[in-house]
N, C-alpha and C. Protein backbone atom coordinates (compact mmCIF):
# COMPACT_ATOMS: atom_id res chain seq x y z
N MET A 1 0.83 -1.17 0.00
CA MET A 1 0.00 0.00 0.00
C MET A 1 0.88 1.24 0.00
N ASN A 2 0.40 2.25 -0.67
CA ASN A 2 1.08 3.52 -0.74
C ASN A 2 0.10 4.56 -0.19
N ASN A 3 0.26 4.97 1.06
CA ASN A 3 -0.69 5.87 1.72
C ASN A 3 -2.10 5.31 1.69
N GLY A 4 -2.25 4.02 1.90
CA GLY A 4 -3.55 3.39 1.91
C GLY A 4 -4.06 2.95 0.55
N THR A 5 -3.33 3.25 -0.51
CA THR A 5 -3.73 2.86 -1.85
C THR A 5 -2.90 1.66 -2.29
N LEU A 6 -3.57 0.64 -2.79
CA LEU A 6 -2.85 -0.55 -3.26
C LEU A 6 -2.17 -0.25 -4.59
N VAL A 7 -0.91 -0.62 -4.70
CA VAL A 7 -0.11 -0.46 -5.92
C VAL A 7 0.59 -1.78 -6.22
N PHE A 8 1.07 -1.93 -7.46
CA PHE A 8 1.84 -3.14 -7.78
C PHE A 8 2.91 -2.80 -8.81
N ARG A 9 3.93 -3.65 -8.83
CA ARG A 9 5.00 -3.59 -9.82
C ARG A 9 5.15 -4.99 -10.40
N LEU A 10 5.13 -5.09 -11.71
CA LEU A 10 5.34 -6.37 -12.38
C LEU A 10 6.82 -6.46 -12.72
N TRP A 11 7.49 -7.47 -12.16
CA TRP A 11 8.93 -7.63 -12.32
C TRP A 11 9.24 -8.78 -13.27
N GLU A 12 10.27 -8.59 -14.05
CA GLU A 12 10.87 -9.66 -14.86
C GLU A 12 12.26 -9.88 -14.30
N ILE A 13 12.60 -11.14 -14.06
CA ILE A 13 13.90 -11.48 -13.47
C ILE A 13 14.68 -12.29 -14.49
N LYS A 14 15.90 -11.89 -14.75
CA LYS A 14 16.76 -12.56 -15.73
C LYS A 14 18.13 -12.83 -15.13
N LYS A 15 18.81 -13.80 -15.74
CA LYS A 15 20.22 -14.01 -15.41
C LYS A 15 21.03 -13.54 -16.61
N HIS A 16 22.24 -13.08 -16.32
CA HIS A 16 23.12 -12.59 -17.38
C HIS A 16 24.48 -13.25 -17.22
N GLU A 17 24.83 -14.10 -18.19
CA GLU A 17 26.14 -14.74 -18.18
C GLU A 17 26.86 -14.53 -19.49
N ALA A 18 26.21 -13.87 -20.43
CA ALA A 18 26.72 -13.76 -21.79
C ALA A 18 27.81 -12.71 -21.92
N VAL A 19 28.41 -12.71 -23.10
CA VAL A 19 29.44 -11.73 -23.42
C VAL A 19 28.80 -10.39 -23.79
N LYS A 20 27.55 -10.44 -24.27
CA LYS A 20 26.85 -9.20 -24.63
C LYS A 20 26.73 -8.31 -23.40
N PRO A 21 26.58 -7.01 -23.62
CA PRO A 21 26.42 -6.11 -22.47
C PRO A 21 25.15 -6.42 -21.69
N ILE A 22 25.18 -6.14 -20.41
CA ILE A 22 24.03 -6.41 -19.56
C ILE A 22 22.81 -5.61 -20.02
N SER A 23 23.04 -4.48 -20.65
CA SER A 23 21.93 -3.66 -21.15
C SER A 23 21.09 -4.45 -22.16
N ALA A 24 21.68 -5.39 -22.89
CA ALA A 24 20.93 -6.22 -23.83
C ALA A 24 19.97 -7.14 -23.08
N THR A 25 20.40 -7.67 -21.94
CA THR A 25 19.54 -8.51 -21.11
C THR A 25 18.40 -7.68 -20.53
N ILE A 26 18.70 -6.47 -20.10
CA ILE A 26 17.68 -5.58 -19.56
C ILE A 26 16.67 -5.21 -20.64
N ARG A 27 17.14 -4.96 -21.84
CA ARG A 27 16.24 -4.64 -22.96
C ARG A 27 15.34 -5.84 -23.27
N ARG A 28 15.91 -7.03 -23.29
CA ARG A 28 15.12 -8.24 -23.56
C ARG A 28 14.03 -8.42 -22.49
N ALA A 29 14.39 -8.21 -21.23
CA ALA A 29 13.42 -8.33 -20.13
C ALA A 29 12.33 -7.27 -20.26
N SER A 30 12.71 -6.05 -20.59
CA SER A 30 11.74 -4.97 -20.76
C SER A 30 10.78 -5.28 -21.90
N ASN A 31 11.31 -5.75 -23.01
CA ASN A 31 10.47 -6.09 -24.16
C ASN A 31 9.54 -7.26 -23.83
N GLN A 32 10.02 -8.20 -23.03
CA GLN A 32 9.19 -9.33 -22.62
C GLN A 32 8.00 -8.84 -21.79
N LEU A 33 8.23 -7.87 -20.92
CA LEU A 33 7.14 -7.31 -20.14
C LEU A 33 6.15 -6.56 -21.02
N VAL A 34 6.65 -5.89 -22.05
CA VAL A 34 5.75 -5.20 -23.00
C VAL A 34 4.84 -6.20 -23.68
N THR A 35 5.42 -7.29 -24.18
CA THR A 35 4.64 -8.23 -24.98
C THR A 35 3.81 -9.21 -24.16
N ARG A 36 4.26 -9.53 -22.93
CA ARG A 36 3.57 -10.58 -22.17
C ARG A 36 3.06 -10.13 -20.80
N GLY A 37 3.21 -8.86 -20.47
CA GLY A 37 2.83 -8.37 -19.16
C GLY A 37 1.39 -8.65 -18.79
N LYS A 38 0.48 -8.36 -19.69
CA LYS A 38 -0.95 -8.57 -19.37
C LYS A 38 -1.25 -10.06 -19.17
N GLU A 39 -0.56 -10.91 -19.93
CA GLU A 39 -0.74 -12.36 -19.77
C GLU A 39 -0.24 -12.81 -18.40
N TYR A 40 0.95 -12.32 -18.00
CA TYR A 40 1.49 -12.66 -16.69
C TYR A 40 0.52 -12.24 -15.58
N LEU A 41 0.02 -11.01 -15.69
CA LEU A 41 -0.89 -10.51 -14.66
C LEU A 41 -2.18 -11.31 -14.60
N ALA A 42 -2.71 -11.65 -15.77
CA ALA A 42 -3.95 -12.42 -15.81
C ALA A 42 -3.75 -13.78 -15.13
N LYS A 43 -2.62 -14.43 -15.39
CA LYS A 43 -2.35 -15.73 -14.78
C LYS A 43 -2.14 -15.63 -13.28
N LEU A 44 -1.47 -14.57 -12.85
CA LEU A 44 -1.18 -14.41 -11.42
C LEU A 44 -2.39 -13.95 -10.63
N ALA A 45 -3.13 -13.01 -11.18
CA ALA A 45 -4.23 -12.40 -10.44
C ALA A 45 -5.55 -13.12 -10.64
N GLY A 46 -5.74 -13.79 -11.76
CA GLY A 46 -7.01 -14.44 -12.05
C GLY A 46 -7.55 -15.30 -10.94
N PRO A 47 -6.77 -16.26 -10.44
CA PRO A 47 -7.28 -17.11 -9.35
C PRO A 47 -7.62 -16.32 -8.09
N GLU A 48 -6.88 -15.26 -7.84
CA GLU A 48 -7.11 -14.47 -6.63
C GLU A 48 -8.41 -13.68 -6.69
N THR A 49 -8.86 -13.34 -7.90
CA THR A 49 -10.12 -12.60 -8.01
C THR A 49 -11.29 -13.46 -7.55
N ILE A 50 -11.13 -14.76 -7.61
CA ILE A 50 -12.18 -15.68 -7.17
C ILE A 50 -12.07 -15.97 -5.68
N SER A 51 -10.84 -16.20 -5.20
CA SER A 51 -10.66 -16.64 -3.82
C SER A 51 -10.50 -15.49 -2.82
N GLN A 52 -10.13 -14.32 -3.27
CA GLN A 52 -9.86 -13.20 -2.38
C GLN A 52 -11.03 -12.22 -2.39
N GLY A 53 -11.53 -11.88 -1.24
CA GLY A 53 -12.64 -10.94 -1.16
C GLY A 53 -12.18 -9.56 -0.76
N GLY A 54 -13.12 -8.68 -0.62
CA GLY A 54 -12.85 -7.34 -0.12
C GLY A 54 -12.01 -6.49 -1.05
N PRO A 55 -11.37 -5.46 -0.47
CA PRO A 55 -10.58 -4.53 -1.28
C PRO A 55 -9.44 -5.20 -2.05
N LEU A 56 -8.81 -6.20 -1.44
CA LEU A 56 -7.71 -6.89 -2.12
C LEU A 56 -8.22 -7.67 -3.32
N GLY A 57 -9.35 -8.36 -3.18
CA GLY A 57 -9.95 -9.07 -4.30
C GLY A 57 -10.33 -8.13 -5.42
N SER A 58 -10.88 -6.98 -5.07
CA SER A 58 -11.22 -5.96 -6.08
C SER A 58 -9.96 -5.46 -6.79
N PHE A 59 -8.90 -5.30 -6.02
CA PHE A 59 -7.64 -4.85 -6.62
C PHE A 59 -7.10 -5.88 -7.60
N TYR A 60 -7.12 -7.16 -7.20
CA TYR A 60 -6.69 -8.21 -8.12
C TYR A 60 -7.49 -8.17 -9.41
N ALA A 61 -8.78 -7.94 -9.29
CA ALA A 61 -9.65 -7.89 -10.47
C ALA A 61 -9.30 -6.73 -11.39
N GLU A 62 -8.66 -5.69 -10.85
CA GLU A 62 -8.31 -4.51 -11.64
C GLU A 62 -6.90 -4.55 -12.24
N LEU A 63 -6.07 -5.50 -11.83
CA LEU A 63 -4.65 -5.46 -12.20
C LEU A 63 -4.40 -5.33 -13.70
N VAL A 64 -5.04 -6.16 -14.50
CA VAL A 64 -4.78 -6.13 -15.94
C VAL A 64 -5.20 -4.78 -16.52
N GLU A 65 -6.35 -4.29 -16.09
CA GLU A 65 -6.82 -2.99 -16.59
C GLU A 65 -5.88 -1.86 -16.16
N LEU A 66 -5.43 -1.89 -14.92
CA LEU A 66 -4.48 -0.88 -14.45
C LEU A 66 -3.20 -0.92 -15.28
N TRP A 67 -2.76 -2.11 -15.61
CA TRP A 67 -1.56 -2.29 -16.43
C TRP A 67 -1.77 -1.71 -17.83
N LEU A 68 -2.88 -2.09 -18.46
CA LEU A 68 -3.16 -1.62 -19.82
C LEU A 68 -3.34 -0.11 -19.87
N ASP A 69 -3.93 0.45 -18.81
CA ASP A 69 -4.14 1.90 -18.75
C ASP A 69 -2.89 2.64 -18.30
N GLN A 70 -1.86 1.92 -17.93
CA GLN A 70 -0.61 2.47 -17.40
C GLN A 70 -0.91 3.45 -16.27
N ASP A 71 -1.79 3.00 -15.40
CA ASP A 71 -2.25 3.76 -14.25
C ASP A 71 -1.09 4.03 -13.29
N VAL A 72 -1.22 5.07 -12.48
CA VAL A 72 -0.17 5.40 -11.51
C VAL A 72 -0.02 4.33 -10.44
N ARG A 73 -1.02 3.46 -10.28
CA ARG A 73 -0.91 2.37 -9.30
C ARG A 73 -0.16 1.17 -9.85
N ALA A 74 0.13 1.18 -11.14
CA ALA A 74 0.87 0.09 -11.79
C ALA A 74 2.32 0.51 -11.99
N GLY A 75 3.16 -0.46 -12.20
CA GLY A 75 4.55 -0.16 -12.48
C GLY A 75 5.28 -1.40 -12.95
N VAL A 76 6.55 -1.23 -13.23
CA VAL A 76 7.35 -2.27 -13.86
C VAL A 76 8.74 -2.30 -13.23
N GLY A 77 9.35 -3.48 -13.24
CA GLY A 77 10.71 -3.60 -12.75
C GLY A 77 11.44 -4.72 -13.45
N VAL A 78 12.75 -4.57 -13.54
CA VAL A 78 13.61 -5.60 -14.11
C VAL A 78 14.74 -5.85 -13.12
N SER A 79 14.96 -7.13 -12.82
CA SER A 79 16.04 -7.54 -11.95
C SER A 79 16.95 -8.49 -12.73
N VAL A 80 18.25 -8.30 -12.60
CA VAL A 80 19.21 -9.14 -13.32
C VAL A 80 20.24 -9.67 -12.33
N GLY A 81 20.45 -10.98 -12.38
CA GLY A 81 21.51 -11.61 -11.62
C GLY A 81 22.68 -11.87 -12.54
N THR A 82 23.87 -11.54 -12.09
CA THR A 82 25.05 -11.68 -12.94
C THR A 82 26.31 -11.79 -12.09
N SER A 83 27.42 -12.01 -12.76
CA SER A 83 28.73 -11.98 -12.10
C SER A 83 29.15 -10.53 -11.92
N SER A 84 29.93 -10.27 -10.90
CA SER A 84 30.33 -8.89 -10.63
C SER A 84 31.09 -8.28 -11.81
N GLN A 85 31.77 -9.10 -12.60
CA GLN A 85 32.50 -8.57 -13.76
C GLN A 85 31.57 -8.02 -14.84
N HIS A 86 30.29 -8.46 -14.83
CA HIS A 86 29.33 -8.00 -15.83
C HIS A 86 28.40 -6.90 -15.31
N ALA A 87 28.55 -6.52 -14.05
CA ALA A 87 27.67 -5.51 -13.47
C ALA A 87 27.82 -4.19 -14.24
N PRO A 88 26.70 -3.51 -14.46
CA PRO A 88 26.77 -2.26 -15.23
C PRO A 88 27.54 -1.19 -14.47
N THR A 89 28.24 -0.37 -15.22
CA THR A 89 28.97 0.75 -14.63
C THR A 89 28.32 2.07 -14.99
N SER A 90 27.36 2.03 -15.88
CA SER A 90 26.68 3.25 -16.32
C SER A 90 25.28 3.33 -15.71
N PRO A 91 24.89 4.51 -15.25
CA PRO A 91 23.53 4.65 -14.71
C PRO A 91 22.45 4.53 -15.78
N THR A 92 22.84 4.52 -17.04
CA THR A 92 21.85 4.42 -18.12
C THR A 92 21.59 2.97 -18.54
N ALA A 93 22.16 2.02 -17.83
CA ALA A 93 21.99 0.60 -18.19
C ALA A 93 20.52 0.19 -18.21
N PHE A 94 19.71 0.81 -17.38
CA PHE A 94 18.29 0.47 -17.31
C PHE A 94 17.42 1.38 -18.16
N GLY A 95 18.02 2.08 -19.09
CA GLY A 95 17.28 2.97 -19.98
C GLY A 95 16.21 2.26 -20.79
N ALA A 96 16.39 0.97 -21.04
CA ALA A 96 15.41 0.22 -21.84
C ALA A 96 14.05 0.16 -21.15
N ILE A 97 14.04 0.16 -19.82
CA ILE A 97 12.76 0.13 -19.11
C ILE A 97 12.00 1.42 -19.38
N VAL A 98 12.69 2.54 -19.29
CA VAL A 98 12.06 3.84 -19.53
C VAL A 98 11.58 3.95 -20.97
N GLU A 99 12.40 3.44 -21.91
CA GLU A 99 12.00 3.46 -23.32
C GLU A 99 10.77 2.59 -23.56
N ALA A 100 10.72 1.43 -22.93
CA ALA A 100 9.62 0.50 -23.14
C ALA A 100 8.34 0.94 -22.43
N PHE A 101 8.48 1.68 -21.34
CA PHE A 101 7.33 2.08 -20.53
C PHE A 101 7.39 3.58 -20.21
N PRO A 102 7.31 4.44 -21.23
CA PRO A 102 7.43 5.88 -20.97
C PRO A 102 6.32 6.43 -20.07
N ALA A 103 5.16 5.80 -20.05
CA ALA A 103 4.06 6.29 -19.22
C ALA A 103 4.27 5.99 -17.73
N PHE A 104 5.15 5.04 -17.42
CA PHE A 104 5.44 4.74 -16.02
C PHE A 104 6.57 5.66 -15.55
N ALA A 105 6.29 6.95 -15.54
CA ALA A 105 7.31 7.95 -15.24
C ALA A 105 7.22 8.48 -13.81
N GLY A 106 6.21 8.06 -13.06
CA GLY A 106 6.06 8.53 -11.68
C GLY A 106 7.12 7.93 -10.78
N PRO A 107 7.27 8.49 -9.59
CA PRO A 107 8.25 7.97 -8.64
C PRO A 107 8.03 6.49 -8.35
N GLY A 108 9.05 5.67 -8.58
CA GLY A 108 9.00 4.25 -8.29
C GLY A 108 8.22 3.41 -9.28
N GLN A 109 7.70 4.00 -10.35
CA GLN A 109 6.92 3.20 -11.31
C GLN A 109 7.78 2.35 -12.21
N ALA A 110 9.01 2.72 -12.44
CA ALA A 110 9.94 1.93 -13.25
C ALA A 110 11.20 1.73 -12.41
N GLU A 111 11.49 0.47 -12.09
CA GLU A 111 12.61 0.18 -11.20
C GLU A 111 13.51 -0.88 -11.80
N GLY A 112 14.75 -0.88 -11.38
CA GLY A 112 15.69 -1.90 -11.82
C GLY A 112 16.69 -2.20 -10.74
N ILE A 113 17.15 -3.44 -10.73
CA ILE A 113 18.15 -3.84 -9.75
C ILE A 113 19.06 -4.91 -10.36
N VAL A 114 20.33 -4.82 -10.04
CA VAL A 114 21.30 -5.84 -10.45
C VAL A 114 21.84 -6.49 -9.18
N VAL A 115 21.82 -7.80 -9.17
CA VAL A 115 22.44 -8.56 -8.09
C VAL A 115 23.69 -9.19 -8.70
N ALA A 116 24.84 -8.67 -8.29
CA ALA A 116 26.10 -9.14 -8.86
C ALA A 116 26.90 -9.89 -7.79
N VAL A 117 27.22 -11.14 -8.08
CA VAL A 117 28.03 -11.95 -7.18
C VAL A 117 29.35 -12.28 -7.89
N PRO A 118 30.39 -12.53 -7.13
CA PRO A 118 31.70 -12.74 -7.76
C PRO A 118 31.72 -13.80 -8.86
N ASP A 119 31.10 -14.96 -8.62
CA ASP A 119 31.10 -16.03 -9.62
C ASP A 119 29.66 -16.51 -9.80
N PHE A 120 28.91 -15.82 -10.64
CA PHE A 120 27.49 -16.11 -10.80
C PHE A 120 27.23 -17.53 -11.29
N PRO A 121 27.96 -18.05 -12.29
CA PRO A 121 27.68 -19.43 -12.72
C PRO A 121 27.81 -20.44 -11.57
N GLN A 122 28.84 -20.31 -10.76
CA GLN A 122 29.01 -21.21 -9.62
C GLN A 122 27.87 -21.02 -8.62
N PHE A 123 27.49 -19.77 -8.37
CA PHE A 123 26.38 -19.48 -7.47
C PHE A 123 25.09 -20.12 -7.98
N ALA A 124 24.79 -19.97 -9.29
CA ALA A 124 23.57 -20.53 -9.88
C ALA A 124 23.56 -22.06 -9.77
N THR A 125 24.71 -22.68 -10.00
CA THR A 125 24.80 -24.14 -9.88
C THR A 125 24.52 -24.58 -8.45
N ARG A 126 25.07 -23.88 -7.50
CA ARG A 126 24.86 -24.23 -6.09
C ARG A 126 23.40 -24.05 -5.69
N VAL A 127 22.77 -22.98 -6.15
CA VAL A 127 21.35 -22.77 -5.85
C VAL A 127 20.51 -23.90 -6.42
N ARG A 128 20.80 -24.29 -7.67
CA ARG A 128 20.07 -25.42 -8.28
C ARG A 128 20.24 -26.68 -7.45
N GLU A 129 21.46 -26.97 -7.00
CA GLU A 129 21.70 -28.15 -6.19
C GLU A 129 20.85 -28.14 -4.92
N ILE A 130 20.77 -27.00 -4.27
CA ILE A 130 20.02 -26.88 -3.02
C ILE A 130 18.53 -27.05 -3.30
N VAL A 131 18.02 -26.37 -4.31
CA VAL A 131 16.59 -26.43 -4.63
C VAL A 131 16.20 -27.83 -5.06
N TRP A 132 16.99 -28.43 -5.95
CA TRP A 132 16.64 -29.74 -6.47
C TRP A 132 16.79 -30.83 -5.41
N SER A 133 17.62 -30.62 -4.40
CA SER A 133 17.76 -31.64 -3.36
C SER A 133 16.48 -31.78 -2.55
N GLY A 134 15.66 -30.75 -2.54
CA GLY A 134 14.40 -30.81 -1.79
C GLY A 134 13.25 -31.40 -2.57
N LEU A 135 13.46 -31.73 -3.85
CA LEU A 135 12.37 -32.27 -4.66
C LEU A 135 12.22 -33.76 -4.52
């Protein structure tokens, strides 16, 4: 909630291990949200519109429309996991989000984050081992 008003951000999470600049991964994630955002929201919120009552249930029912209308209660984010050697050094690395979603110009409506670890491939392998051991 933002001052009592329900808001949401639709995030796309990617990993970056390639030789290409990380900005290419951010652009791909941004474009994926442009083309599939409403589908993601419909799949995530649809079941909740049936099972959730009250103001939250009403909010779930509005998510896709808020997204399509680029309402101030909607927003977008891209998160990228990578090795520290690939972490962006330019503040413009997330420019693709702004280009893809120019209407999400309000404070906090377009966000980006990079999680950079020293050896991302080794980290990803270890996470898979831990997750798969519980299956």
